[in-house]
C-alpha cells in the first residue's frame, strides 16, 4: 500500500518537473517470489580429477582454510547471516573451472592483464585472483552466488535479510 503526503509540488507541462518538499512516501514491507529459468552452455572441458592445476586449488585451500571467512560476511564486517555451522566452501569467483575453454581471452585480459594465453588460463582459474571463500548459504544456498541472480547477490551485500 502506498501512502503519500505532499506539501508542495510543481508540474511544468511538456517536461515534467516535480519539486516535493516534506514528502513522506512509504510502501509497506513485502516479499516477492522470483523464478529464473535458463540454459547454460558448458564448453567441452576436462574432468576436474584430470585437471593438472587442481593441485593449485588444493594448495590454496590448504594454505588459507584455517583463517578463511565468508567473503560476504567480510564485506559487511557482519557474519550474522552466514552459515557458521557448515564448513566454508571455496568458490571460483570469476570463471568456473568448467567454463575455461569458452573464455573470450581478450575480454578477460581487459580486467586481468596477463591472462590472455590459452595455455595458462587453467592455471589462473585456480589462483587467489579467481577464488574466494563463501559460507554454504552465500555459495550454494538459496541466497548463494550459484542460486540467486547476480543483481540480487550484489544487493544482498548491503540489504539485511534480502533473500529468504
Protein backbone atom coordinates (compact mmCIF):
# COMPACT_ATOMS: atom_id res chain seq x y z
CA UNK A 1 0.00 0.00 0.00
CA UNK A 2 1.38 3.43 -0.98
CA UNK A 3 0.87 6.27 1.47
CA UNK A 4 1.79 9.80 0.31
CA UNK A 5 1.77 13.21 1.91
CA UNK A 6 2.86 16.10 -0.34
CA UNK A 7 3.04 19.69 0.85
CA UNK A 8 4.44 21.39 -2.29
CA UNK A 9 4.57 20.20 -5.91
CA UNK A 10 5.33 21.98 -9.19
CA UNK A 11 4.49 20.43 -12.57
CA UNK A 12 5.56 22.07 -15.84
CA UNK A 13 3.61 20.94 -18.93
CA UNK A 14 5.72 19.28 -21.65
CA UNK A 15 8.61 18.46 -19.37
CA UNK A 16 7.55 17.19 -16.02
CA UNK A 17 9.44 18.72 -13.15
CA UNK A 18 8.27 17.73 -9.72
CA UNK A 19 9.52 19.51 -6.65
CA UNK A 20 8.39 17.81 -3.50
CA UNK A 21 9.10 19.25 -0.08
CA UNK A 22 8.43 17.35 3.09
CA UNK A 23 7.19 14.33 1.11
CA UNK A 24 6.58 11.16 3.03
CA UNK A 25 6.15 8.12 0.80
CA UNK A 26 6.06 4.66 2.27
CA UNK A 27 5.47 1.28 0.74
CA UNK A 28 4.89 -1.35 3.36
CA UNK A 29 7.40 -4.19 3.64
CA UNK A 30 6.56 -7.02 1.26
CA UNK A 31 8.01 -10.18 -0.27
CA UNK A 32 8.11 -11.16 -3.93
CA UNK A 33 8.74 -14.60 -5.41
CA UNK A 34 11.42 -14.67 -8.10
CA UNK A 35 11.92 -17.55 -10.53
CA UNK A 36 14.67 -17.78 -13.13
CA UNK A 37 14.86 -20.46 -15.78
CA UNK A 38 17.54 -20.55 -18.43
CA UNK A 39 20.04 -22.91 -20.04
CA UNK A 40 23.79 -22.67 -19.50
CA UNK A 41 26.09 -23.88 -22.28
CA UNK A 42 29.20 -25.57 -20.89
CA UNK A 43 32.02 -25.90 -23.43
CA UNK A 44 33.91 -29.19 -23.57
CA UNK A 45 36.29 -29.37 -20.63
CA UNK A 46 38.42 -31.95 -18.83
CA UNK A 47 37.10 -33.76 -15.79
CA UNK A 48 38.11 -32.00 -12.63
CA UNK A 49 40.07 -35.01 -11.43
CA UNK A 50 42.34 -34.82 -14.51
CA UNK A 51 42.98 -31.08 -14.16
CA UNK A 52 46.74 -30.56 -13.78
CA UNK A 53 46.06 -27.33 -11.88
CA UNK A 54 43.73 -28.88 -9.32
CA UNK A 55 46.77 -29.23 -7.08
CA UNK A 56 46.98 -25.41 -7.08
CA UNK A 57 43.35 -25.17 -5.97
CA UNK A 58 44.03 -27.65 -3.16
CA UNK A 59 47.25 -25.86 -2.18
CA UNK A 60 45.37 -22.55 -1.93
CA UNK A 61 42.60 -24.22 0.06
CA UNK A 62 45.06 -25.84 2.48
CA UNK A 63 47.08 -22.63 2.85
CA UNK A 64 44.06 -20.39 3.60
CA UNK A 65 41.35 -22.57 5.16
CA UNK A 66 42.38 -22.02 8.79
CA UNK A 67 41.94 -18.25 8.52
CA UNK A 68 39.19 -18.22 5.87
CA UNK A 69 35.99 -16.22 6.32
CA UNK A 70 32.95 -15.82 4.12
CA UNK A 71 33.61 -13.04 1.57
CA UNK A 72 30.09 -11.64 2.02
CA UNK A 73 30.48 -11.52 5.80
CA UNK A 74 33.90 -9.91 5.40
CA UNK A 75 32.49 -7.32 3.03
CA UNK A 76 29.80 -6.43 5.58
CA UNK A 77 32.03 -6.94 8.62
CA UNK A 78 29.00 -8.87 9.86
CA UNK A 79 28.61 -12.65 9.74
CA UNK A 80 25.13 -12.80 11.28
CA UNK A 81 23.55 -14.07 8.04
CA UNK A 82 26.34 -16.53 7.25
CA UNK A 83 26.02 -20.28 7.75
CA UNK A 84 28.58 -20.72 10.52
CA UNK A 85 27.67 -24.36 11.20
CA UNK A 86 28.79 -25.79 7.85
CA UNK A 87 32.36 -25.71 6.54
CA UNK A 88 33.29 -22.81 4.28
CA UNK A 89 33.48 -23.52 0.54
CA UNK A 90 35.99 -22.25 -1.99
CA UNK A 91 34.29 -20.55 -4.94
CA UNK A 92 35.67 -19.69 -8.39
CA UNK A 93 34.57 -16.06 -8.27
CA UNK A 94 35.02 -15.02 -11.91
CA UNK A 95 35.48 -18.07 -14.14
CA UNK A 96 34.28 -21.52 -13.12
CA UNK A 97 36.59 -24.42 -13.94
CA UNK A 98 34.03 -25.90 -16.36
CA UNK A 99 33.89 -22.68 -18.41
CA UNK A 100 37.60 -22.16 -19.02
CA UNK A 101 37.52 -23.41 -22.62
CA UNK A 102 34.81 -20.91 -23.51
CA UNK A 103 36.52 -17.78 -22.16
CA UNK A 104 36.99 -14.91 -24.59
CA UNK A 105 40.55 -14.20 -23.55
CA UNK A 106 40.57 -10.59 -24.82
CA UNK A 107 37.59 -9.84 -22.56
CA UNK A 108 39.28 -11.45 -19.56
CA UNK A 109 42.55 -9.69 -20.39
CA UNK A 110 40.81 -6.31 -20.08
CA UNK A 111 40.08 -7.00 -16.40
CA UNK A 112 43.02 -9.28 -15.61
CA UNK A 113 46.06 -8.26 -17.68
CA UNK A 114 48.45 -11.09 -18.40
CA UNK A 115 45.93 -13.94 -18.60
CA UNK A 116 45.29 -13.98 -22.35
CA UNK A 117 47.47 -17.02 -23.00
CA UNK A 118 45.19 -20.02 -23.70
CA UNK A 119 47.85 -22.34 -22.28
CA UNK A 120 47.81 -20.66 -18.86
CA UNK A 121 44.11 -19.87 -18.34
CA UNK A 122 43.63 -23.16 -16.46
CA UNK A 123 46.37 -22.22 -14.02
CA UNK A 124 44.92 -18.72 -13.47
CA UNK A 125 41.49 -20.19 -12.70
CA UNK A 126 42.96 -21.90 -9.65
CA UNK A 127 44.69 -18.79 -8.22
CA UNK A 128 43.68 -16.38 -5.46
CA UNK A 129 42.63 -13.84 -8.13
CA UNK A 130 39.76 -16.18 -9.05
CA UNK A 131 38.98 -17.81 -5.70
CA UNK A 132 37.00 -16.67 -2.68
CA UNK A 133 35.73 -18.36 0.44
CA UNK A 134 31.96 -18.39 0.98
CA UNK A 135 29.72 -19.93 3.60
CA UNK A 136 27.26 -22.56 2.38
CA UNK A 137 24.36 -20.06 2.35
CA UNK A 138 26.26 -17.48 0.25
CA UNK A 139 27.70 -20.16 -2.07
CA UNK A 140 25.06 -22.80 -2.83
CA UNK A 141 22.16 -21.85 -0.56
CA UNK A 142 19.06 -20.03 -1.75
CA UNK A 143 20.93 -16.73 -1.24
CA UNK A 144 24.09 -18.00 -2.86
CA UNK A 145 26.09 -17.00 -5.91
CA UNK A 146 25.14 -20.25 -7.66
CA UNK A 147 21.43 -19.81 -6.97
CA UNK A 148 20.33 -16.17 -6.81
CA UNK A 149 20.59 -13.68 -9.68
CA UNK A 150 23.78 -11.61 -9.78
CA UNK A 151 21.91 -8.36 -9.09
CA UNK A 152 20.31 -9.94 -6.01
CA UNK A 153 23.63 -11.33 -4.73
CA UNK A 154 25.21 -7.89 -5.15
CA UNK A 155 22.30 -6.20 -3.34
CA UNK A 156 22.46 -8.88 -0.64
CA UNK A 157 25.84 -7.46 0.40
CA UNK A 158 24.04 -4.32 1.55
CA UNK A 159 20.46 -5.35 2.40
CA UNK A 160 19.96 -7.45 5.52
CA UNK A 161 17.58 -10.39 5.04
CA UNK A 162 17.10 -9.72 1.32
CA UNK A 163 16.92 -13.35 0.20
CA UNK A 164 14.81 -15.59 2.40
